[in-house]
Protein backbone atom coordinates (compact mmCIF):
# COMPACT_ATOMS: atom_id res chain seq x y z
CA MET A 1 20.18 43.91 4.40
CA LYS A 2 23.80 45.30 4.71
CA LYS A 3 25.20 46.39 1.46
CA TYR A 4 29.05 45.86 0.60
CA HIS A 5 31.58 46.82 -2.16
CA VAL A 6 31.77 43.58 -3.44
CA LYS A 7 29.91 40.57 -4.75
CA LYS A 8 29.96 37.19 -5.32
CA GLY A 9 31.90 36.19 -8.41
CA ASP A 10 34.02 39.55 -7.86
CA LYS A 11 37.67 39.60 -8.86
CA VAL A 12 39.36 41.02 -5.47
CA VAL A 13 42.72 41.94 -3.93
CA VAL A 14 43.37 41.47 -0.39
CA ASN A 15 44.53 44.37 1.08
CA SER A 16 45.73 43.67 4.79
CA GLY A 17 46.04 40.36 6.71
CA SER A 18 48.08 36.99 6.34
CA TRP A 19 46.97 36.82 2.60
CA LYS A 20 48.02 40.53 1.30
CA GLY A 21 48.55 40.88 -1.88
CA GLU A 22 46.89 37.68 -2.94
CA GLU A 23 44.48 37.96 -5.69
CA ALA A 24 41.44 36.05 -5.27
CA THR A 25 37.52 35.48 -6.12
CA VAL A 26 34.63 35.95 -3.80
CA THR A 27 33.07 32.75 -3.23
CA ALA A 28 30.50 33.74 -0.80
CA ILE A 29 29.60 36.85 1.63
CA LEU A 30 28.66 36.34 5.12
CA PRO A 31 26.54 39.54 6.28
CA LYS A 32 26.25 38.16 10.07
CA LYS A 33 30.09 38.48 10.58
CA ASP A 34 30.98 40.95 7.54
CA ARG A 35 33.52 38.55 5.91
CA VAL A 36 33.58 37.12 2.51
CA VAL A 37 34.83 33.34 1.78
CA LEU A 38 37.69 33.90 -1.10
CA GLU A 39 39.01 31.49 -3.68
CA LEU A 40 42.83 32.05 -3.91
CA ALA A 41 43.95 32.42 -7.46
CA ASN A 42 47.49 30.32 -8.16
CA MET A 43 47.34 28.30 -5.25
CA THR A 44 50.89 26.71 -4.99
CA PRO A 45 51.66 23.92 -2.53
CA GLU A 46 52.88 26.31 0.16
CA LYS A 47 49.54 28.49 0.28
CA ARG A 48 47.61 25.08 0.54
CA GLU A 49 49.88 23.71 3.39
CA ARG A 50 49.01 26.79 5.13
CA ILE A 51 45.37 26.68 4.41
CA GLY A 52 45.23 23.31 5.80
CA ARG A 53 42.46 20.60 5.32
CA ARG A 54 39.29 19.61 7.22
CA THR A 55 38.24 16.15 7.81
CA VAL A 56 34.60 15.67 6.48
CA LYS A 57 32.29 12.54 7.84
CA LYS A 58 30.35 10.07 5.26
CA SER A 59 27.42 11.10 3.81
CA LYS A 60 25.14 11.06 0.83
CA ALA A 61 26.74 13.85 -0.84
CA ASN A 62 30.49 12.68 0.18
CA PRO A 63 30.36 9.01 0.17
CA ASN A 64 33.97 8.21 1.19
CA GLY A 65 34.50 10.90 3.58
CA GLY A 66 37.83 12.24 4.15
CA MET A 67 39.66 15.03 3.81
CA ILE A 68 38.82 18.13 1.75
CA GLU A 69 40.68 21.68 1.10
CA ARG A 70 39.80 24.45 3.20
CA SER A 71 38.31 28.17 2.00
CA VAL A 72 39.84 31.54 3.12
CA SER A 73 38.04 33.96 4.84
CA THR A 74 38.33 37.91 5.40
CA HIS A 75 36.73 40.74 6.70
CA VAL A 76 35.16 42.69 3.75
CA SER A 77 37.02 45.76 4.56
CA ASN A 78 40.43 43.76 3.59
CA VAL A 79 39.57 43.35 0.17
CA ASN A 80 39.02 45.70 -2.78
CA LYS A 81 37.74 44.95 -6.54
CA VAL A 82 40.80 44.14 -8.84
CA ALA A 83 40.10 47.47 -10.99
CA GLU A 84 39.69 49.84 -7.78
CA ALA A 85 43.24 48.35 -6.45
CA GLN A 86 44.68 49.13 -9.60
CA ALA A 87 43.47 52.78 -9.67
CA GLU A 88 44.43 53.61 -6.23
CA LYS A 89 48.48 52.98 -7.05
């Protein structure tokens, strides 16, 4: 099992990539790909547009199907905990 410097529920700052400077919460960790799934804070309509949506088929969990919001994932090395990021500055 791999060990990471962040865990589910941590508040993080993205330090590189297309979401640089954004604060987020870790919602999941994908150890096979060394990635974290983030829920961005302060979502504006422009950010929602950049992330996009995806289509979901009808199912018991989603009886109407339709469009749902996507999540943002980034490599685990591109995020720092909020407290660590403030200490580095």
